[in-house]
Amino acid sequence: MVVFQLLSAVLVLSLDQLFRSRYGALGALCLLLLGVGLRARSTACLSAGAIVFLVLMAQA
């Protein structure tokens, strides 16, 4: 269990760095909204994160 938590933390941090370097603050906001939405099972946060992600992909 501890190994799984460590690997997930490393994965989240690396994804965060990738989004920040490529997409800036909106990329970090997108990851934050998606993460909070998944953990809280909130469709509003998931939808907002998905919309931010689509906006970022449309600009790229």
N, C-alpha and C. Protein backbone atom coordinates (compact mmCIF):
# COMPACT_ATOMS: atom_id res chain seq x y z
N MET A 1 0.82 -1.20 0.00
CA MET A 1 0.00 0.00 0.00
C MET A 1 0.86 1.26 0.00
N VAL A 2 1.94 1.25 0.77
CA VAL A 2 2.81 2.41 0.84
C VAL A 2 3.49 2.65 -0.51
N VAL A 3 3.86 1.57 -1.19
CA VAL A 3 4.51 1.70 -2.50
C VAL A 3 3.54 2.32 -3.50
N PHE A 4 2.28 1.90 -3.45
CA PHE A 4 1.28 2.46 -4.35
C PHE A 4 1.09 3.96 -4.10
N GLN A 5 1.05 4.37 -2.85
CA GLN A 5 0.90 5.79 -2.53
C GLN A 5 2.11 6.59 -2.99
N LEU A 6 3.29 6.02 -2.82
CA LEU A 6 4.52 6.70 -3.27
C LEU A 6 4.54 6.85 -4.78
N LEU A 7 4.18 5.80 -5.49
CA LEU A 7 4.15 5.88 -6.95
C LEU A 7 3.09 6.87 -7.45
N SER A 8 1.94 6.89 -6.80
CA SER A 8 0.92 7.83 -7.24
C SER A 8 1.34 9.27 -6.96
N ALA A 9 2.04 9.51 -5.86
CA ALA A 9 2.53 10.87 -5.56
C ALA A 9 3.55 11.31 -6.60
N VAL A 10 4.45 10.41 -6.97
CA VAL A 10 5.46 10.73 -7.98
C VAL A 10 4.79 11.00 -9.32
N LEU A 11 3.80 10.21 -9.65
CA LEU A 11 3.09 10.40 -10.92
C LEU A 11 2.36 11.74 -10.95
N VAL A 12 1.70 12.09 -9.87
CA VAL A 12 0.97 13.36 -9.81
C VAL A 12 1.94 14.54 -9.90
N LEU A 13 3.05 14.46 -9.20
CA LEU A 13 4.02 15.56 -9.26
C LEU A 13 4.63 15.71 -10.65
N SER A 14 4.91 14.59 -11.30
CA SER A 14 5.49 14.69 -12.64
C SER A 14 4.47 15.22 -13.64
N LEU A 15 3.21 14.80 -13.52
CA LEU A 15 2.17 15.35 -14.40
C LEU A 15 1.97 16.84 -14.15
N ASP A 16 2.05 17.24 -12.89
CA ASP A 16 1.92 18.65 -12.55
C ASP A 16 3.03 19.47 -13.19
N GLN A 17 4.25 18.99 -13.13
CA GLN A 17 5.37 19.71 -13.74
C GLN A 17 5.22 19.78 -15.26
N LEU A 18 4.75 18.69 -15.86
CA LEU A 18 4.55 18.67 -17.31
C LEU A 18 3.49 19.69 -17.73
N PHE A 19 2.38 19.72 -17.01
CA PHE A 19 1.31 20.66 -17.36
C PHE A 19 1.75 22.10 -17.11
N ARG A 20 2.49 22.33 -16.02
CA ARG A 20 2.93 23.71 -15.75
C ARG A 20 3.91 24.19 -16.80
N SER A 21 4.82 23.34 -17.23
CA SER A 21 5.81 23.77 -18.21
C SER A 21 5.17 23.97 -19.58
N ARG A 22 4.17 23.16 -19.90
CA ARG A 22 3.58 23.23 -21.22
C ARG A 22 2.37 24.18 -21.28
N TYR A 23 1.55 24.16 -20.24
CA TYR A 23 0.29 24.91 -20.30
C TYR A 23 0.14 25.99 -19.24
N GLY A 24 1.12 26.15 -18.39
CA GLY A 24 1.11 27.23 -17.41
C GLY A 24 0.16 27.00 -16.26
N ALA A 25 -0.35 28.09 -15.73
CA ALA A 25 -1.20 28.03 -14.54
C ALA A 25 -2.55 27.35 -14.84
N LEU A 26 -3.06 27.51 -16.05
CA LEU A 26 -4.33 26.85 -16.37
C LEU A 26 -4.18 25.33 -16.39
N GLY A 27 -3.02 24.84 -16.75
CA GLY A 27 -2.77 23.40 -16.69
C GLY A 27 -2.80 22.90 -15.26
N ALA A 28 -2.20 23.66 -14.35
CA ALA A 28 -2.23 23.28 -12.93
C ALA A 28 -3.65 23.35 -12.39
N LEU A 29 -4.42 24.36 -12.80
CA LEU A 29 -5.81 24.47 -12.37
C LEU A 29 -6.64 23.29 -12.89
N CYS A 30 -6.39 22.89 -14.12
CA CYS A 30 -7.08 21.75 -14.70
C CYS A 30 -6.81 20.49 -13.89
N LEU A 31 -5.55 20.23 -13.58
CA LEU A 31 -5.22 19.05 -12.78
C LEU A 31 -5.83 19.13 -11.39
N LEU A 32 -5.82 20.31 -10.81
CA LEU A 32 -6.41 20.47 -9.48
C LEU A 32 -7.90 20.17 -9.50
N LEU A 33 -8.61 20.73 -10.46
CA LEU A 33 -10.06 20.50 -10.55
C LEU A 33 -10.37 19.04 -10.82
N LEU A 34 -9.61 18.41 -11.70
CA LEU A 34 -9.86 17.00 -11.99
C LEU A 34 -9.56 16.13 -10.77
N GLY A 35 -8.48 16.43 -10.07
CA GLY A 35 -8.12 15.65 -8.88
C GLY A 35 -9.14 15.80 -7.77
N VAL A 36 -9.57 17.02 -7.51
CA VAL A 36 -10.58 17.25 -6.48
C VAL A 36 -11.91 16.61 -6.89
N GLY A 37 -12.25 16.71 -8.14
CA GLY A 37 -13.50 16.12 -8.61
C GLY A 37 -13.51 14.61 -8.49
N LEU A 38 -12.39 13.98 -8.78
CA LEU A 38 -12.32 12.53 -8.65
C LEU A 38 -12.39 12.09 -7.21
N ARG A 39 -11.64 12.77 -6.34
CA ARG A 39 -11.62 12.35 -4.94
C ARG A 39 -12.95 12.62 -4.24
N ALA A 40 -13.58 13.74 -4.55
CA ALA A 40 -14.83 14.10 -3.90
C ALA A 40 -16.05 13.57 -4.64
N ARG A 41 -15.82 12.95 -5.78
CA ARG A 41 -16.89 12.47 -6.66
C ARG A 41 -17.86 13.61 -6.98
N SER A 42 -17.27 14.74 -7.32
CA SER A 42 -18.05 15.93 -7.63
C SER A 42 -18.10 16.12 -9.14
N THR A 43 -19.28 16.03 -9.70
CA THR A 43 -19.41 16.20 -11.14
C THR A 43 -19.15 17.63 -11.58
N ALA A 44 -19.41 18.59 -10.69
CA ALA A 44 -19.17 20.00 -11.03
C ALA A 44 -17.67 20.25 -11.21
N CYS A 45 -16.86 19.74 -10.30
CA CYS A 45 -15.41 19.93 -10.42
C CYS A 45 -14.86 19.18 -11.62
N LEU A 46 -15.35 17.96 -11.84
CA LEU A 46 -14.90 17.20 -13.00
C LEU A 46 -15.26 17.90 -14.30
N SER A 47 -16.46 18.44 -14.36
CA SER A 47 -16.89 19.14 -15.57
C SER A 47 -16.07 20.40 -15.81
N ALA A 48 -15.81 21.15 -14.74
CA ALA A 48 -15.00 22.36 -14.88
C ALA A 48 -13.58 22.01 -15.30
N GLY A 49 -13.01 20.96 -14.73
CA GLY A 49 -11.67 20.53 -15.12
C GLY A 49 -11.62 20.08 -16.57
N ALA A 50 -12.65 19.37 -17.00
CA ALA A 50 -12.71 18.91 -18.38
C ALA A 50 -12.84 20.08 -19.35
N ILE A 51 -13.61 21.09 -18.97
CA ILE A 51 -13.77 22.27 -19.83
C ILE A 51 -12.46 23.03 -19.94
N VAL A 52 -11.76 23.20 -18.81
CA VAL A 52 -10.46 23.88 -18.84
C VAL A 52 -9.50 23.09 -19.71
N PHE A 53 -9.52 21.77 -19.60
CA PHE A 53 -8.64 20.92 -20.41
C PHE A 53 -8.95 21.07 -21.90
N LEU A 54 -10.23 21.10 -22.24
CA LEU A 54 -10.60 21.27 -23.65
C LEU A 54 -10.19 22.63 -24.20
N VAL A 55 -10.31 23.66 -23.37
CA VAL A 55 -9.88 25.00 -23.79
C VAL A 55 -8.37 25.02 -24.04
N LEU A 56 -7.62 24.37 -23.17
CA LEU A 56 -6.17 24.31 -23.35
C LEU A 56 -5.80 23.55 -24.61
N MET A 57 -6.49 22.45 -24.88
CA MET A 57 -6.18 21.66 -26.07
C MET A 57 -6.59 22.39 -27.34
N ALA A 58 -7.64 23.19 -27.27
CA ALA A 58 -8.06 23.94 -28.45
C ALA A 58 -7.06 25.04 -28.80
N GLN A 59 -6.38 25.58 -27.78
CA GLN A 59 -5.37 26.62 -28.03
C GLN A 59 -4.08 26.05 -28.58
N ALA A 60 -3.79 24.79 -28.25
CA ALA A 60 -2.53 24.17 -28.67
C ALA A 60 -2.58 23.79 -30.09
